[in-house]
Amino acid sequence: MNIYKAIIADDEEWAIKDLLAIIDWKKQGFEIVKTTTNSNEVLEILKNAANIEIYETNEKVYISVKPLE
């Protein structure tokens, strides 16, 4: 099974903690490489580190999957 690298980011720390608690990321094939509440940090990290992005803006959740290079 492929292991995908993921970053979890939200402006609310509790939301990040809840996502980490309710999903068995490793069992689903993901390695969480970073969690952050800093949007600028996310943009910099995403350039190189993640295959999947999960983020929320204005009460909408977005998921983006990038293929391995």
C-alpha atoms as a PDB file:
ATOM      1  CA  MET A   1       0.000   0.000   0.000  1.00  0.00           C
ATOM      2  CA  ASN A   2       1.227   3.505  -0.815  1.00  0.00           C
ATOM      3  CA  ILE A   3       1.747   5.849   2.097  1.00  0.00           C
ATOM      4  CA  TYR A   4       0.607   9.395   1.403  1.00  0.00           C
ATOM      5  CA  LYS A   5       2.056  12.367   3.256  1.00  0.00           C
ATOM      6  CA  ALA A   6      -0.536  14.775   4.617  1.00  0.00           C
ATOM      7  CA  ILE A   7      -0.713  18.113   6.387  1.00  0.00           C
ATOM      8  CA  ILE A   8      -3.645  19.018   8.584  1.00  0.00           C
ATOM      9  CA  ALA A   9      -4.201  22.742   8.976  1.00  0.00           C
ATOM     10  CA  ASP A  10      -6.975  24.769  10.515  1.00  0.00           C
ATOM     11  CA  ASP A  11      -7.169  28.089  12.305  1.00  0.00           C
ATOM     12  CA  GLU A  12      -8.679  26.245  15.285  1.00  0.00           C
ATOM     13  CA  GLU A  13      -6.355  23.952  17.231  1.00  0.00           C
ATOM     14  CA  TRP A  14      -9.313  21.891  18.490  1.00  0.00           C
ATOM     15  CA  ALA A  15     -10.301  21.016  14.905  1.00  0.00           C
ATOM     16  CA  ILE A  16      -6.829  19.645  14.212  1.00  0.00           C
ATOM     17  CA  LYS A  17      -6.896  17.592  17.410  1.00  0.00           C
ATOM     18  CA  ASP A  18     -10.334  16.215  16.537  1.00  0.00           C
ATOM     19  CA  LEU A  19      -9.221  15.182  13.029  1.00  0.00           C
ATOM     20  CA  LEU A  20      -6.203  13.417  14.497  1.00  0.00           C
ATOM     21  CA  ALA A  21      -8.388  11.649  17.058  1.00  0.00           C
ATOM     22  CA  ILE A  22     -11.294  10.462  14.885  1.00  0.00           C
ATOM     23  CA  ILE A  23      -9.338   9.075  11.931  1.00  0.00           C
ATOM     24  CA  ASP A  24      -6.782   6.293  12.045  1.00  0.00           C
ATOM     25  CA  TRP A  25      -4.553   8.006   9.490  1.00  0.00           C
ATOM     26  CA  LYS A  26      -1.909   5.277   9.393  1.00  0.00           C
ATOM     27  CA  LYS A  27      -4.510   2.565   8.810  1.00  0.00           C
ATOM     28  CA  GLN A  28      -5.918   4.638   5.939  1.00  0.00           C
ATOM     29  CA  GLY A  29      -2.473   4.943   4.341  1.00  0.00           C
ATOM     30  CA  PHE A  30      -1.484   8.431   5.482  1.00  0.00           C
ATOM     31  CA  GLU A  31       1.487   9.828   7.333  1.00  0.00           C
ATOM     32  CA  ILE A  32       0.729  13.186   8.975  1.00  0.00           C
ATOM     33  CA  VAL A  33       3.893  15.186   8.321  1.00  0.00           C
ATOM     34  CA  LYS A  34       2.724  18.435   9.911  1.00  0.00           C
ATOM     35  CA  THR A  35      -0.140  20.083  11.738  1.00  0.00           C
ATOM     36  CA  THR A  36      -0.419  23.847  11.942  1.00  0.00           C
ATOM     37  CA  THR A  37      -2.735  26.790  12.513  1.00  0.00           C
ATOM     38  CA  ASN A  38      -0.516  29.105  10.454  1.00  0.00           C
ATOM     39  CA  SER A  39      -1.762  29.527   6.862  1.00  0.00           C
ATOM     40  CA  ASN A  40       1.533  30.987   5.625  1.00  0.00           C
ATOM     41  CA  GLU A  41       3.389  27.958   6.949  1.00  0.00           C
ATOM     42  CA  VAL A  42       0.970  25.670   5.110  1.00  0.00           C
ATOM     43  CA  LEU A  43       1.582  27.353   1.776  1.00  0.00           C
ATOM     44  CA  GLU A  44       5.337  26.962   2.134  1.00  0.00           C
ATOM     45  CA  ILE A  45       5.155  23.329   3.214  1.00  0.00           C
ATOM     46  CA  LEU A  46       2.700  22.316   0.499  1.00  0.00           C
ATOM     47  CA  LYS A  47       5.167  23.182  -2.209  1.00  0.00           C
ATOM     48  CA  ASN A  48       7.148  20.019  -1.417  1.00  0.00           C
ATOM     49  CA  ALA A  49       5.802  17.910   1.394  1.00  0.00           C
ATOM     50  CA  ALA A  50       2.249  16.690   0.860  1.00  0.00           C
ATOM     51  CA  ASN A  51       0.262  14.479  -1.451  1.00  0.00           C
ATOM     52  CA  ILE A  52      -3.073  15.462   0.042  1.00  0.00           C
ATOM     53  CA  GLU A  53      -4.393  18.745   1.379  1.00  0.00           C
ATOM     54  CA  ILE A  54      -7.410  19.038   3.677  1.00  0.00           C
ATOM     55  CA  TYR A  55      -8.411  22.540   4.585  1.00  0.00           C
ATOM     56  CA  GLU A  56     -11.404  24.612   5.564  1.00  0.00           C
ATOM     57  CA  THR A  57     -12.286  28.153   4.647  1.00  0.00           C
ATOM     58  CA  ASN A  58     -15.527  29.918   5.393  1.00  0.00           C
ATOM     59  CA  GLU A  59     -17.134  26.747   6.773  1.00  0.00           C
ATOM     60  CA  LYS A  60     -16.366  24.702   3.619  1.00  0.00           C
ATOM     61  CA  VAL A  61     -13.979  21.747   3.653  1.00  0.00           C
ATOM     62  CA  TYR A  62     -11.723  21.149   0.656  1.00  0.00           C
ATOM     63  CA  ILE A  63      -9.673  18.066  -0.138  1.00  0.00           C
ATOM     64  CA  SER A  64      -7.005  18.035  -2.827  1.00  0.00           C
ATOM     65  CA  VAL A  65      -4.960  14.988  -3.816  1.00  0.00           C
ATOM     66  CA  LYS A  66      -1.722  15.406  -5.775  1.00  0.00           C
ATOM     67  CA  PRO A  67      -0.067  12.480  -7.572  1.00  0.00           C
ATOM     68  CA  LEU A  68       3.384  11.318  -6.542  1.00  0.00           C
ATOM     69  CA  GLU A  69       6.123  12.727  -8.729  1.00  0.00           C
END
